[in-house]
Amino acid sequence: LAGGLVMLFGVAGVWALTAGAGEPSFLLTDLARLDLDSGIGRWLFVAF
Protein backbone atom coordinates (compact mmCIF):
# COMPACT_ATOMS: atom_id res chain seq x y z
CA LEU A 1 0.00 0.00 0.00
CA ALA A 2 2.90 2.36 0.70
CA GLY A 3 4.23 1.72 -2.79
CA GLY A 4 0.76 2.12 -4.28
CA LEU A 5 0.16 5.38 -2.41
CA VAL A 6 3.37 6.88 -3.78
CA MET A 7 2.43 5.68 -7.25
CA LEU A 8 -0.95 7.40 -6.91
CA PHE A 9 0.83 10.76 -6.76
CA GLY A 10 2.58 9.82 -9.99
CA VAL A 11 -0.70 8.82 -11.64
CA ALA A 12 -2.31 12.12 -10.61
CA GLY A 13 0.76 14.04 -11.78
CA VAL A 14 0.89 12.66 -15.31
CA TRP A 15 -2.87 13.10 -15.71
CA ALA A 16 -2.58 16.73 -14.59
CA LEU A 17 0.04 17.30 -17.26
CA THR A 18 -2.24 15.94 -19.99
CA ALA A 19 -5.14 17.97 -18.63
CA GLY A 20 -3.00 21.09 -18.67
CA ALA A 21 -2.21 20.41 -22.30
CA GLY A 22 -5.94 20.51 -23.08
CA GLU A 23 -6.69 16.80 -23.56
CA PRO A 24 -6.81 14.81 -20.29
CA SER A 25 -5.89 11.17 -20.87
CA PHE A 26 -4.61 8.08 -19.07
CA LEU A 27 -3.70 6.20 -22.25
CA LEU A 28 -0.06 5.13 -22.14
CA THR A 29 0.37 6.07 -25.79
CA ASP A 30 -0.66 9.64 -24.95
CA LEU A 31 1.53 9.76 -21.85
CA ALA A 32 4.56 8.58 -23.82
CA ARG A 33 4.21 11.68 -26.03
CA LEU A 34 4.36 14.10 -23.10
CA ASP A 35 7.26 16.53 -23.05
CA LEU A 36 8.45 15.90 -19.51
CA ASP A 37 11.15 18.33 -18.43
CA SER A 38 13.97 17.17 -16.19
CA GLY A 39 12.28 18.49 -13.04
CA ILE A 40 8.70 17.19 -12.94
CA GLY A 41 9.51 14.15 -15.05
CA ARG A 42 12.13 12.95 -12.60
CA TRP A 43 9.86 13.35 -9.60
CA LEU A 44 7.09 11.42 -11.32
CA PHE A 45 9.57 8.72 -12.35
CA VAL A 46 10.65 8.32 -8.72
CA ALA A 47 7.03 7.87 -7.64
CA PHE A 48 6.48 5.01 -10.08
ModelCIF file with pLDDT and N, C-alpha, C, O atoms, coordinates in Angstrom:
data_MODEL
#
_entry.id   MODEL 
#
_entity.id                         1 
_entity.type                       polymer 
_entity.pdbx_number_of_molecules   1 
#
_entity_poly.entity_id                      1 
_entity_poly.type                           'polypeptide(L)' 
_entity_poly.nstd_linkage                   no 
_entity_poly.nstd_monomer                   no 
_entity_poly.pdbx_seq_one_letter_code       LAGGLVMLFGVAGVWALTAGAGEPSFLLTDLARLDLDSGIGRWLFVAF 
_entity_poly.pdbx_seq_one_letter_code_can   LAGGLVMLFGVAGVWALTAGAGEPSFLLTDLARLDLDSGIGRWLFVAF 
_entity_poly.pdbx_strand_id                 A 
#
loop_
_entity_poly_seq.entity_id 
_entity_poly_seq.num 
_entity_poly_seq.mon_id 
_entity_poly_seq.hetero 
1 1  LEU n 
1 2  ALA n 
1 3  GLY n 
1 4  GLY n 
1 5  LEU n 
1 6  VAL n 
1 7  MET n 
1 8  LEU n 
1 9  PHE n 
1 10 GLY n 
1 11 VAL n 
1 12 ALA n 
1 13 GLY n 
1 14 VAL n 
1 15 TRP n 
1 16 ALA n 
1 17 LEU n 
1 18 THR n 
1 19 ALA n 
1 20 GLY n 
1 21 ALA n 
1 22 GLY n 
1 23 GLU n 
1 24 PRO n 
1 25 SER n 
1 26 PHE n 
1 27 LEU n 
1 28 LEU n 
1 29 THR n 
1 30 ASP n 
1 31 LEU n 
1 32 ALA n 
1 33 ARG n 
1 34 LEU n 
1 35 ASP n 
1 36 LEU n 
1 37 ASP n 
1 38 SER n 
1 39 GLY n 
1 40 ILE n 
1 41 GLY n 
1 42 ARG n 
1 43 TRP n 
1 44 LEU n 
1 45 PHE n 
1 46 VAL n 
1 47 ALA n 
1 48 PHE n 
#
_struct_asym.id          A 
_struct_asym.entity_id   1 
#
loop_
_ma_qa_metric.id 
_ma_qa_metric.mode 
_ma_qa_metric.name 
_ma_qa_metric.software_group_id 
_ma_qa_metric.type 
1 global pLDDT . pLDDT 
2 local  pLDDT . pLDDT 
#
_ma_qa_metric_global.metric_id      1 
_ma_qa_metric_global.metric_value   88.48 
_ma_qa_metric_global.model_id       1 
_ma_qa_metric_global.ordinal_id     1 
#
loop_
_ma_qa_metric_local.label_asym_id 
_ma_qa_metric_local.label_comp_id 
_ma_qa_metric_local.label_seq_id 
_ma_qa_metric_local.metric_id 
_ma_qa_metric_local.metric_value 
_ma_qa_metric_local.model_id 
_ma_qa_metric_local.ordinal_id 
A LEU 1  2 94.00 1 1  
A ALA 2  2 95.00 1 2  
A GLY 3  2 94.00 1 3  
A GLY 4  2 94.00 1 4  
A LEU 5  2 95.00 1 5  
A VAL 6  2 95.00 1 6  
A MET 7  2 96.00 1 7  
A LEU 8  2 95.00 1 8  
A PHE 9  2 93.00 1 9  
A GLY 10 2 93.00 1 10 
A VAL 11 2 94.00 1 11 
A ALA 12 2 92.00 1 12 
A GLY 13 2 91.00 1 13 
A VAL 14 2 91.00 1 14 
A TRP 15 2 90.00 1 15 
A ALA 16 2 89.00 1 16 
A LEU 17 2 88.00 1 17 
A THR 18 2 87.00 1 18 
A ALA 19 2 85.00 1 19 
A GLY 20 2 80.00 1 20 
A ALA 21 2 75.00 1 21 
A GLY 22 2 75.00 1 22 
A GLU 23 2 84.00 1 23 
A PRO 24 2 88.00 1 24 
A SER 25 2 88.00 1 25 
A PHE 26 2 91.00 1 26 
A LEU 27 2 92.00 1 27 
A LEU 28 2 92.00 1 28 
A THR 29 2 90.00 1 29 
A ASP 30 2 89.00 1 30 
A LEU 31 2 90.00 1 31 
A ALA 32 2 86.00 1 32 
A ARG 33 2 84.00 1 33 
A LEU 34 2 83.00 1 34 
A ASP 35 2 79.00 1 35 
A LEU 36 2 77.00 1 36 
A ASP 37 2 71.00 1 37 
A SER 38 2 69.00 1 38 
A GLY 39 2 82.00 1 39 
A ILE 40 2 87.00 1 40 
A GLY 41 2 88.00 1 41 
A ARG 42 2 91.00 1 42 
A TRP 43 2 92.00 1 43 
A LEU 44 2 93.00 1 44 
A PHE 45 2 94.00 1 45 
A VAL 46 2 95.00 1 46 
A ALA 47 2 95.00 1 47 
A PHE 48 2 96.00 1 48 
#
loop_
_atom_site.group_PDB 
_atom_site.id 
_atom_site.type_symbol 
_atom_site.label_atom_id 
_atom_site.label_alt_id 
_atom_site.label_comp_id 
_atom_site.label_asym_id 
_atom_site.label_entity_id 
_atom_site.label_seq_id 
_atom_site.pdbx_PDB_ins_code 
_atom_site.Cartn_x 
_atom_site.Cartn_y 
_atom_site.Cartn_z 
_atom_site.occupancy 
_atom_site.B_iso_or_equiv 
_atom_site.pdbx_formal_charge 
_atom_site.auth_seq_id 
_atom_site.auth_comp_id 
_atom_site.auth_asym_id 
_atom_site.auth_atom_id 
_atom_site.pdbx_PDB_model_num 
ATOM 1   N N  . LEU A 1 1  ? 0.830  -1.210 0.000   1.00 94.00 ? 1  LEU A N  1 
ATOM 2   C CA . LEU A 1 1  ? 0.000  0.000  0.000   1.00 94.00 ? 1  LEU A CA 1 
ATOM 3   C C  . LEU A 1 1  ? 0.857  1.250  0.000   1.00 94.00 ? 1  LEU A C  1 
ATOM 4   O O  . LEU A 1 1  ? 0.498  2.248  -0.625  1.00 94.00 ? 1  LEU A O  1 
ATOM 5   N N  . ALA A 1 2  ? 1.991  1.209  0.696   1.00 95.00 ? 2  ALA A N  1 
ATOM 6   C CA . ALA A 1 2  ? 2.897  2.361  0.697   1.00 95.00 ? 2  ALA A CA 1 
ATOM 7   C C  . ALA A 1 2  ? 3.401  2.629  -0.719  1.00 95.00 ? 2  ALA A C  1 
ATOM 8   O O  . ALA A 1 2  ? 3.427  3.772  -1.176  1.00 95.00 ? 2  ALA A O  1 
ATOM 9   N N  . GLY A 1 3  ? 3.801  1.553  -1.409  1.00 94.00 ? 3  GLY A N  1 
ATOM 10  C CA . GLY A 1 3  ? 4.228  1.720  -2.795  1.00 94.00 ? 3  GLY A CA 1 
ATOM 11  C C  . GLY A 1 3  ? 3.105  2.223  -3.675  1.00 94.00 ? 3  GLY A C  1 
ATOM 12  O O  . GLY A 1 3  ? 3.321  3.089  -4.523  1.00 94.00 ? 3  GLY A O  1 
ATOM 13  N N  . GLY A 1 4  ? 1.903  1.690  -3.484  1.00 94.00 ? 4  GLY A N  1 
ATOM 14  C CA . GLY A 1 4  ? 0.762  2.118  -4.279  1.00 94.00 ? 4  GLY A CA 1 
ATOM 15  C C  . GLY A 1 4  ? 0.374  3.558  -4.018  1.00 94.00 ? 4  GLY A C  1 
ATOM 16  O O  . GLY A 1 4  ? -0.035 4.271  -4.934  1.00 94.00 ? 4  GLY A O  1 
ATOM 17  N N  . LEU A 1 5  ? 0.503  3.998  -2.750  1.00 95.00 ? 5  LEU A N  1 
ATOM 18  C CA . LEU A 1 5  ? 0.160  5.385  -2.413  1.00 95.00 ? 5  LEU A CA 1 
ATOM 19  C C  . LEU A 1 5  ? 1.113  6.356  -3.097  1.00 95.00 ? 5  LEU A C  1 
ATOM 20  O O  . LEU A 1 5  ? 0.691  7.390  -3.614  1.00 95.00 ? 5  LEU A O  1 
ATOM 21  N N  . VAL A 1 6  ? 2.393  6.022  -3.096  1.00 95.00 ? 6  VAL A N  1 
ATOM 22  C CA . VAL A 1 6  ? 3.366  6.881  -3.775  1.00 95.00 ? 6  VAL A CA 1 
ATOM 23  C C  . VAL A 1 6  ? 3.083  6.895  -5.277  1.00 95.00 ? 6  VAL A C  1 
ATOM 24  O O  . VAL A 1 6  ? 3.165  7.940  -5.921  1.00 95.00 ? 6  VAL A O  1 
ATOM 25  N N  . MET A 1 7  ? 2.749  5.725  -5.829  1.00 96.00 ? 7  MET A N  1 
ATOM 26  C CA . MET A 1 7  ? 2.430  5.678  -7.251  1.00 96.00 ? 7  MET A CA 1 
ATOM 27  C C  . MET A 1 7  ? 1.216  6.538  -7.583  1.00 96.00 ? 7  MET A C  1 
ATOM 28  O O  . MET A 1 7  ? 1.150  7.131  -8.660  1.00 96.00 ? 7  MET A O  1 
ATOM 29  N N  . LEU A 1 8  ? 0.260  6.608  -6.666  1.00 95.00 ? 8  LEU A N  1 
ATOM 30  C CA . LEU A 1 8  ? -0.946 7.400  -6.910  1.00 95.00 ? 8  LEU A CA 1 
ATOM 31  C C  . LEU A 1 8  ? -0.599 8.855  -7.189  1.00 95.00 ? 8  LEU A C  1 
ATOM 32  O O  . LEU A 1 8  ? -1.227 9.488  -8.037  1.00 95.00 ? 8  LEU A O  1 
ATOM 33  N N  . PHE A 1 9  ? 0.393  9.392  -6.486  1.00 93.00 ? 9  PHE A N  1 
ATOM 34  C CA . PHE A 1 9  ? 0.830  10.760 -6.762  1.00 93.00 ? 9  PHE A CA 1 
ATOM 35  C C  . PHE A 1 9  ? 1.364  10.869 -8.190  1.00 93.00 ? 9  PHE A C  1 
ATOM 36  O O  . PHE A 1 9  ? 1.139  11.865 -8.878  1.00 93.00 ? 9  PHE A O  1 
ATOM 37  N N  . GLY A 1 10 ? 2.077  9.823  -8.621  1.00 93.00 ? 10 GLY A N  1 
ATOM 38  C CA . GLY A 1 10 ? 2.579  9.818  -9.989  1.00 93.00 ? 10 GLY A CA 1 
ATOM 39  C C  . GLY A 1 10 ? 1.462  9.766  -11.009 1.00 93.00 ? 10 GLY A C  1 
ATOM 40  O O  . GLY A 1 10 ? 1.511  10.457 -12.026 1.00 93.00 ? 10 GLY A O  1 
ATOM 41  N N  . VAL A 1 11 ? 0.446  8.941  -10.741 1.00 94.00 ? 11 VAL A N  1 
ATOM 42  C CA . VAL A 1 11 ? -0.703 8.824  -11.641 1.00 94.00 ? 11 VAL A CA 1 
ATOM 43  C C  . VAL A 1 11 ? -1.417 10.173 -11.756 1.00 94.00 ? 11 VAL A C  1 
ATOM 44  O O  . VAL A 1 11 ? -1.755 10.618 -12.853 1.00 94.00 ? 11 VAL A O  1 
ATOM 45  N N  . ALA A 1 12 ? -1.639 10.814 -10.602 1.00 92.00 ? 12 ALA A N  1 
ATOM 46  C CA . ALA A 1 12 ? -2.307 12.119 -10.613 1.00 92.00 ? 12 ALA A CA 1 
ATOM 47  C C  . ALA A 1 12 ? -1.453 13.163 -11.335 1.00 92.00 ? 12 ALA A C  1 
ATOM 48  O O  . ALA A 1 12 ? -1.973 14.037 -12.029 1.00 92.00 ? 12 ALA A O  1 
ATOM 49  N N  . GLY A 1 13 ? -0.133 13.055 -11.158 1.00 91.00 ? 13 GLY A N  1 
ATOM 50  C CA . GLY A 1 13 ? 0.758  14.035 -11.780 1.00 91.00 ? 13 GLY A CA 1 
ATOM 51  C C  . GLY A 1 13 ? 0.755  13.962 -13.292 1.00 91.00 ? 13 GLY A C  1 
ATOM 52  O O  . GLY A 1 13 ? 0.660  14.991 -13.962 1.00 91.00 ? 13 GLY A O  1 
ATOM 53  N N  . VAL A 1 14 ? 0.857  12.760 -13.840 1.00 91.00 ? 14 VAL A N  1 
ATOM 54  C CA . VAL A 1 14 ? 0.895  12.664 -15.308 1.00 91.00 ? 14 VAL A CA 1 
ATOM 55  C C  . VAL A 1 14 ? -0.465 13.023 -15.904 1.00 91.00 ? 14 VAL A C  1 
ATOM 56  O O  . VAL A 1 14 ? -0.531 13.580 -17.000 1.00 91.00 ? 14 VAL A O  1 
ATOM 57  N N  . TRP A 1 15 ? -1.553 12.707 -15.190 1.00 90.00 ? 15 TRP A N  1 
ATOM 58  C CA . TRP A 1 15 ? -2.872 13.101 -15.705 1.00 90.00 ? 15 TRP A CA 1 
ATOM 59  C C  . TRP A 1 15 ? -3.005 14.625 -15.717 1.00 90.00 ? 15 TRP A C  1 
ATOM 60  O O  . TRP A 1 15 ? -3.548 15.200 -16.660 1.00 90.00 ? 15 TRP A O  1 
ATOM 61  N N  . ALA A 1 16 ? -2.502 15.274 -14.657 1.00 89.00 ? 16 ALA A N  1 
ATOM 62  C CA . ALA A 1 16 ? -2.582 16.733 -14.591 1.00 89.00 ? 16 ALA A CA 1 
ATOM 63  C C  . ALA A 1 16 ? -1.825 17.372 -15.747 1.00 89.00 ? 16 ALA A C  1 
ATOM 64  O O  . ALA A 1 16 ? -2.241 18.403 -16.275 1.00 89.00 ? 16 ALA A O  1 
ATOM 65  N N  . LEU A 1 17 ? -0.718 16.759 -16.136 1.00 88.00 ? 17 LEU A N  1 
ATOM 66  C CA . LEU A 1 17 ? 0.045  17.298 -17.263 1.00 88.00 ? 17 LEU A CA 1 
ATOM 67  C C  . LEU A 1 17 ? -0.741 17.199 -18.562 1.00 88.00 ? 17 LEU A C  1 
ATOM 68  O O  . LEU A 1 17 ? -0.728 18.126 -19.372 1.00 88.00 ? 17 LEU A O  1 
ATOM 69  N N  . THR A 1 18 ? -1.426 16.070 -18.765 1.00 87.00 ? 18 THR A N  1 
ATOM 70  C CA . THR A 1 18 ? -2.236 15.936 -19.986 1.00 87.00 ? 18 THR A CA 1 
ATOM 71  C C  . THR A 1 18 ? -3.425 16.884 -19.941 1.00 87.00 ? 18 THR A C  1 
ATOM 72  O O  . THR A 1 18 ? -3.806 17.457 -20.961 1.00 87.00 ? 18 THR A O  1 
ATOM 73  N N  . ALA A 1 19 ? -4.012 17.051 -18.756 1.00 85.00 ? 19 ALA A N  1 
ATOM 74  C CA . ALA A 1 19 ? -5.143 17.974 -18.634 1.00 85.00 ? 19 ALA A CA 1 
ATOM 75  C C  . ALA A 1 19 ? -4.698 19.404 -18.914 1.00 85.00 ? 19 ALA A C  1 
ATOM 76  O O  . ALA A 1 19 ? -5.412 20.174 -19.556 1.00 85.00 ? 19 ALA A O  1 
ATOM 77  N N  . GLY A 1 20 ? -3.516 19.746 -18.426 1.00 80.00 ? 20 GLY A N  1 
ATOM 78  C CA . GLY A 1 20 ? -2.999 21.088 -18.665 1.00 80.00 ? 20 GLY A CA 1 
ATOM 79  C C  . GLY A 1 20 ? -2.729 21.354 -20.125 1.00 80.00 ? 20 GLY A C  1 
ATOM 80  O O  . GLY A 1 20 ? -2.762 22.498 -20.580 1.00 80.00 ? 20 GLY A O  1 
ATOM 81  N N  . ALA A 1 21 ? -2.456 20.275 -20.867 1.00 75.00 ? 21 ALA A N  1 
ATOM 82  C CA . ALA A 1 21 ? -2.210 20.410 -22.302 1.00 75.00 ? 21 ALA A CA 1 
ATOM 83  C C  . ALA A 1 21 ? -3.509 20.497 -23.101 1.00 75.00 ? 21 ALA A C  1 
ATOM 84  O O  . ALA A 1 21 ? -3.483 20.693 -24.316 1.00 75.00 ? 21 ALA A O  1 
ATOM 85  N N  . GLY A 1 22 ? -4.653 20.349 -22.411 1.00 75.00 ? 22 GLY A N  1 
ATOM 86  C CA . GLY A 1 22 ? -5.936 20.513 -23.081 1.00 75.00 ? 22 GLY A CA 1 
ATOM 87  C C  . GLY A 1 22 ? -6.694 19.239 -23.360 1.00 75.00 ? 22 GLY A C  1 
ATOM 88  O O  . GLY A 1 22 ? -7.895 19.290 -23.626 1.00 75.00 ? 22 GLY A O  1 
ATOM 89  N N  . GLU A 1 23 ? -6.026 18.082 -23.307 1.00 84.00 ? 23 GLU A N  1 
ATOM 90  C CA . GLU A 1 23 ? -6.687 16.804 -23.561 1.00 84.00 ? 23 GLU A CA 1 
ATOM 91  C C  . GLU A 1 23 ? -6.326 15.806 -22.469 1.00 84.00 ? 23 GLU A C  1 
ATOM 92  O O  . GLU A 1 23 ? -5.337 15.085 -22.603 1.00 84.00 ? 23 GLU A O  1 
ATOM 93  N N  . PRO A 1 24 ? -7.114 15.746 -21.378 1.00 88.00 ? 24 PRO A N  1 
ATOM 94  C CA . PRO A 1 24 ? -6.809 14.806 -20.292 1.00 88.00 ? 24 PRO A CA 1 
ATOM 95  C C  . PRO A 1 24 ? -6.895 13.361 -20.786 1.00 88.00 ? 24 PRO A C  1 
ATOM 96  O O  . PRO A 1 24 ? -7.830 12.991 -21.497 1.00 88.00 ? 24 PRO A O  1 
ATOM 97  N N  . SER A 1 25 ? -5.918 12.561 -20.406 1.00 88.00 ? 25 SER A N  1 
ATOM 98  C CA . SER A 1 25 ? -5.888 11.174 -20.874 1.00 88.00 ? 25 SER A CA 1 
ATOM 99  C C  . SER A 1 25 ? -5.029 10.336 -19.940 1.00 88.00 ? 25 SER A C  1 
ATOM 100 O O  . SER A 1 25 ? -4.052 10.816 -19.365 1.00 88.00 ? 25 SER A O  1 
ATOM 101 N N  . PHE A 1 26 ? -5.418 9.066  -19.801 1.00 91.00 ? 26 PHE A N  1 
ATOM 102 C CA . PHE A 1 26 ? -4.613 8.083  -19.066 1.00 91.00 ? 26 PHE A CA 1 
ATOM 103 C C  . PHE A 1 26 ? -3.990 7.057  -20.017 1.00 91.00 ? 26 PHE A C  1 
ATOM 104 O O  . PHE A 1 26 ? -3.278 6.162  -19.561 1.00 91.00 ? 26 PHE A O  1 
ATOM 105 N N  . LEU A 1 27 ? -4.238 7.164  -21.306 1.00 92.00 ? 27 LEU A N  1 
ATOM 106 C CA . LEU A 1 27 ? -3.697 6.198  -22.251 1.00 92.00 ? 27 LEU A CA 1 
ATOM 107 C C  . LEU A 1 27 ? -2.172 6.280  -22.271 1.00 92.00 ? 27 LEU A C  1 
ATOM 108 O O  . LEU A 1 27 ? -1.606 7.368  -22.373 1.00 92.00 ? 27 LEU A O  1 
ATOM 109 N N  . LEU A 1 28 ? -1.515 5.132  -22.174 1.00 92.00 ? 28 LEU A N  1 
ATOM 110 C CA . LEU A 1 28 ? -0.062 5.130  -22.137 1.00 92.00 ? 28 LEU A CA 1 
ATOM 111 C C  . LEU A 1 28 ? 0.532  5.695  -23.416 1.00 92.00 ? 28 LEU A C  1 
ATOM 112 O O  . LEU A 1 28 ? 1.605  6.297  -23.380 1.00 92.00 ? 28 LEU A O  1 
ATOM 113 N N  . THR A 1 29 ? -0.137 5.515  -24.533 1.00 90.00 ? 29 THR A N  1 
ATOM 114 C CA . THR A 1 29 ? 0.365  6.074  -25.787 1.00 90.00 ? 29 THR A CA 1 
ATOM 115 C C  . THR A 1 29 ? 0.377  7.601  -25.744 1.00 90.00 ? 29 THR A C  1 
ATOM 116 O O  . THR A 1 29 ? 1.278  8.236  -26.292 1.00 90.00 ? 29 THR A O  1 
ATOM 117 N N  . ASP A 1 30 ? -0.629 8.187  -25.090 1.00 89.00 ? 30 ASP A N  1 
ATOM 118 C CA . ASP A 1 30 ? -0.660 9.643  -24.946 1.00 89.00 ? 30 ASP A CA 1 
ATOM 119 C C  . ASP A 1 30 ? 0.393  10.113 -23.948 1.00 89.00 ? 30 ASP A C  1 
ATOM 120 O O  . ASP A 1 30 ? 1.044  11.137 -24.157 1.00 89.00 ? 30 ASP A O  1 
ATOM 121 N N  . LEU A 1 31 ? 0.555  9.364  -22.869 1.00 90.00 ? 31 LEU A N  1 
ATOM 122 C CA . LEU A 1 31 ? 1.532  9.764  -21.848 1.00 90.00 ? 31 LEU A CA 1 
ATOM 123 C C  . LEU A 1 31 ? 2.956  9.692  -22.387 1.00 90.00 ? 31 LEU A C  1 
ATOM 124 O O  . LEU A 1 31 ? 3.807  10.500 -22.015 1.00 90.00 ? 31 LEU A O  1 
ATOM 125 N N  . ALA A 1 32 ? 3.213  8.726  -23.261 1.00 86.00 ? 32 ALA A N  1 
ATOM 126 C CA . ALA A 1 32 ? 4.556  8.582  -23.824 1.00 86.00 ? 32 ALA A CA 1 
ATOM 127 C C  . ALA A 1 32 ? 4.932  9.763  -24.704 1.00 86.00 ? 32 ALA A C  1 
ATOM 128 O O  . ALA A 1 32 ? 6.114  9.986  -24.964 1.00 86.00 ? 32 ALA A O  1 
ATOM 129 N N  . ARG A 1 33 ? 3.937  10.528 -25.169 1.00 84.00 ? 33 ARG A N  1 
ATOM 130 C CA . ARG A 1 33 ? 4.213  11.681 -26.035 1.00 84.00 ? 33 ARG A CA 1 
ATOM 131 C C  . ARG A 1 33 ? 4.378  12.971 -25.238 1.00 84.00 ? 33 ARG A C  1 
ATOM 132 O O  . ARG A 1 33 ? 4.652  14.023 -25.816 1.00 84.00 ? 33 ARG A O  1 
ATOM 133 N N  . LEU A 1 34 ? 4.214  12.902 -23.921 1.00 83.00 ? 34 LEU A N  1 
ATOM 134 C CA . LEU A 1 34 ? 4.360  14.095 -23.098 1.00 83.00 ? 34 LEU A CA 1 
ATOM 135 C C  . LEU A 1 34 ? 5.794  14.607 -23.133 1.00 83.00 ? 34 LEU A C  1 
ATOM 136 O O  . LEU A 1 34 ? 6.744  13.825 -23.176 1.00 83.00 ? 34 LEU A O  1 
ATOM 137 N N  . ASP A 1 35 ? 5.936  15.911 -23.114 1.00 79.00 ? 35 ASP A N  1 
ATOM 138 C CA . ASP A 1 35 ? 7.258  16.526 -23.046 1.00 79.00 ? 35 ASP A CA 1 
ATOM 139 C C  . ASP A 1 35 ? 7.566  16.790 -21.579 1.00 79.00 ? 35 ASP A C  1 
ATOM 140 O O  . ASP A 1 35 ? 7.257  17.858 -21.049 1.00 79.00 ? 35 ASP A O  1 
ATOM 141 N N  . LEU A 1 36 ? 8.177  15.806 -20.932 1.00 77.00 ? 36 LEU A N  1 
ATOM 142 C CA . LEU A 1 36 ? 8.452  15.898 -19.505 1.00 77.00 ? 36 LEU A CA 1 
ATOM 143 C C  . LEU A 1 36 ? 9.828  16.505 -19.288 1.00 77.00 ? 36 LEU A C  1 
ATOM 144 O O  . LEU A 1 36 ? 10.845 15.920 -19.661 1.00 77.00 ? 36 LEU A O  1 
ATOM 145 N N  . ASP A 1 37 ? 9.847  17.711 -18.667 1.00 71.00 ? 37 ASP A N  1 
ATOM 146 C CA . ASP A 1 37 ? 11.146 18.334 -18.428 1.00 71.00 ? 37 ASP A CA 1 
ATOM 147 C C  . ASP A 1 37 ? 11.881 17.595 -17.322 1.00 71.00 ? 37 ASP A C  1 
ATOM 148 O O  . ASP A 1 37 ? 11.300 16.738 -16.656 1.00 71.00 ? 37 ASP A O  1 
ATOM 149 N N  . SER A 1 38 ? 13.129 17.913 -17.123 1.00 69.00 ? 38 SER A N  1 
ATOM 150 C CA . SER A 1 38 ? 13.973 17.170 -16.190 1.00 69.00 ? 38 SER A CA 1 
ATOM 151 C C  . SER A 1 38 ? 13.509 17.286 -14.745 1.00 69.00 ? 38 SER A C  1 
ATOM 152 O O  . SER A 1 38 ? 13.850 16.436 -13.923 1.00 69.00 ? 38 SER A O  1 
ATOM 153 N N  . GLY A 1 39 ? 12.732 18.327 -14.416 1.00 82.00 ? 39 GLY A N  1 
ATOM 154 C CA . GLY A 1 39 ? 12.277 18.488 -13.040 1.00 82.00 ? 39 GLY A CA 1 
ATOM 155 C C  . GLY A 1 39 ? 11.087 17.606 -12.703 1.00 82.00 ? 39 GLY A C  1 
ATOM 156 O O  . GLY A 1 39 ? 11.214 16.648 -11.940 1.00 82.00 ? 39 GLY A O  1 
ATOM 157 N N  . ILE A 1 40 ? 9.923  17.930 -13.273 1.00 87.00 ? 40 ILE A N  1 
ATOM 158 C CA . ILE A 1 40 ? 8.704  17.195 -12.938 1.00 87.00 ? 40 ILE A CA 1 
ATOM 159 C C  . ILE A 1 40 ? 8.782  15.744 -13.396 1.00 87.00 ? 40 ILE A C  1 
ATOM 160 O O  . ILE A 1 40 ? 8.289  14.847 -12.712 1.00 87.00 ? 40 ILE A O  1 
ATOM 161 N N  . GLY A 1 41 ? 9.399  15.515 -14.546 1.00 88.00 ? 41 GLY A N  1 
ATOM 162 C CA . GLY A 1 41 ? 9.507  14.150 -15.050 1.00 88.00 ? 41 GLY A CA 1 
ATOM 163 C C  . GLY A 1 41 ? 10.274 13.245 -14.108 1.00 88.00 ? 41 GLY A C  1 
ATOM 164 O O  . GLY A 1 41 ? 9.907  12.085 -13.921 1.00 88.00 ? 41 GLY A O  1 
ATOM 165 N N  . ARG A 1 42 ? 11.322 13.757 -13.523 1.00 91.00 ? 42 ARG A N  1 
ATOM 166 C CA . ARG A 1 42 ? 12.133 12.949 -12.605 1.00 91.00 ? 42 ARG A CA 1 
ATOM 167 C C  . ARG A 1 42 ? 11.387 12.634 -11.311 1.00 91.00 ? 42 ARG A C  1 
ATOM 168 O O  . ARG A 1 42 ? 11.492 11.527 -10.782 1.00 91.00 ? 42 ARG A O  1 
ATOM 169 N N  . TRP A 1 43 ? 10.638 13.605 -10.808 1.00 92.00 ? 43 TRP A N  1 
ATOM 170 C CA . TRP A 1 43 ? 9.859  13.346 -9.598  1.00 92.00 ? 43 TRP A CA 1 
ATOM 171 C C  . TRP A 1 43 ? 8.778  12.308 -9.856  1.00 92.00 ? 43 TRP A C  1 
ATOM 172 O O  . TRP A 1 43 ? 8.547  11.430 -9.025  1.00 92.00 ? 43 TRP A O  1 
ATOM 173 N N  . LEU A 1 44 ? 8.123  12.401 -10.992 1.00 93.00 ? 44 LEU A N  1 
ATOM 174 C CA . LEU A 1 44 ? 7.091  11.420 -11.318 1.00 93.00 ? 44 LEU A CA 1 
ATOM 175 C C  . LEU A 1 44 ? 7.709  10.038 -11.535 1.00 93.00 ? 44 LEU A C  1 
ATOM 176 O O  . LEU A 1 44 ? 7.138  9.028  -11.122 1.00 93.00 ? 44 LEU A O  1 
ATOM 177 N N  . PHE A 1 45 ? 8.864  9.995  -12.175 1.00 94.00 ? 45 PHE A N  1 
ATOM 178 C CA . PHE A 1 45 ? 9.570  8.724  -12.348 1.00 94.00 ? 45 PHE A CA 1 
ATOM 179 C C  . PHE A 1 45 ? 9.849  8.080  -10.999 1.00 94.00 ? 45 PHE A C  1 
ATOM 180 O O  . PHE A 1 45 ? 9.627  6.881  -10.827 1.00 94.00 ? 45 PHE A O  1 
ATOM 181 N N  . VAL A 1 46 ? 10.330 8.855  -10.051 1.00 95.00 ? 46 VAL A N  1 
ATOM 182 C CA . VAL A 1 46 ? 10.654 8.315  -8.723  1.00 95.00 ? 46 VAL A CA 1 
ATOM 183 C C  . VAL A 1 46 ? 9.417  7.720  -8.072  1.00 95.00 ? 46 VAL A C  1 
ATOM 184 O O  . VAL A 1 46 ? 9.496  6.678  -7.422  1.00 95.00 ? 46 VAL A O  1 
ATOM 185 N N  . ALA A 1 47 ? 8.271  8.378  -8.242  1.00 95.00 ? 47 ALA A N  1 
ATOM 186 C CA . ALA A 1 47 ? 7.034  7.867  -7.642  1.00 95.00 ? 47 ALA A CA 1 
ATOM 187 C C  . ALA A 1 47 ? 6.693  6.483  -8.184  1.00 95.00 ? 47 ALA A C  1 
ATOM 188 O O  . ALA A 1 47 ? 6.348  5.581  -7.420  1.00 95.00 ? 47 ALA A O  1 
ATOM 189 N N  . PHE A 1 48 ? 6.789  6.316  -9.487  1.00 96.00 ? 48 PHE A N  1 
ATOM 190 C CA . PHE A 1 48 ? 6.485  5.009  -10.079 1.00 96.00 ? 48 PHE A CA 1 
ATOM 191 C C  . PHE A 1 48 ? 7.573  3.984  -9.755  1.00 96.00 ? 48 PHE A C  1 
ATOM 192 O O  . PHE A 1 48 ? 7.479  2.830  -10.173 1.00 96.00 ? 48 PHE A O  1 
#
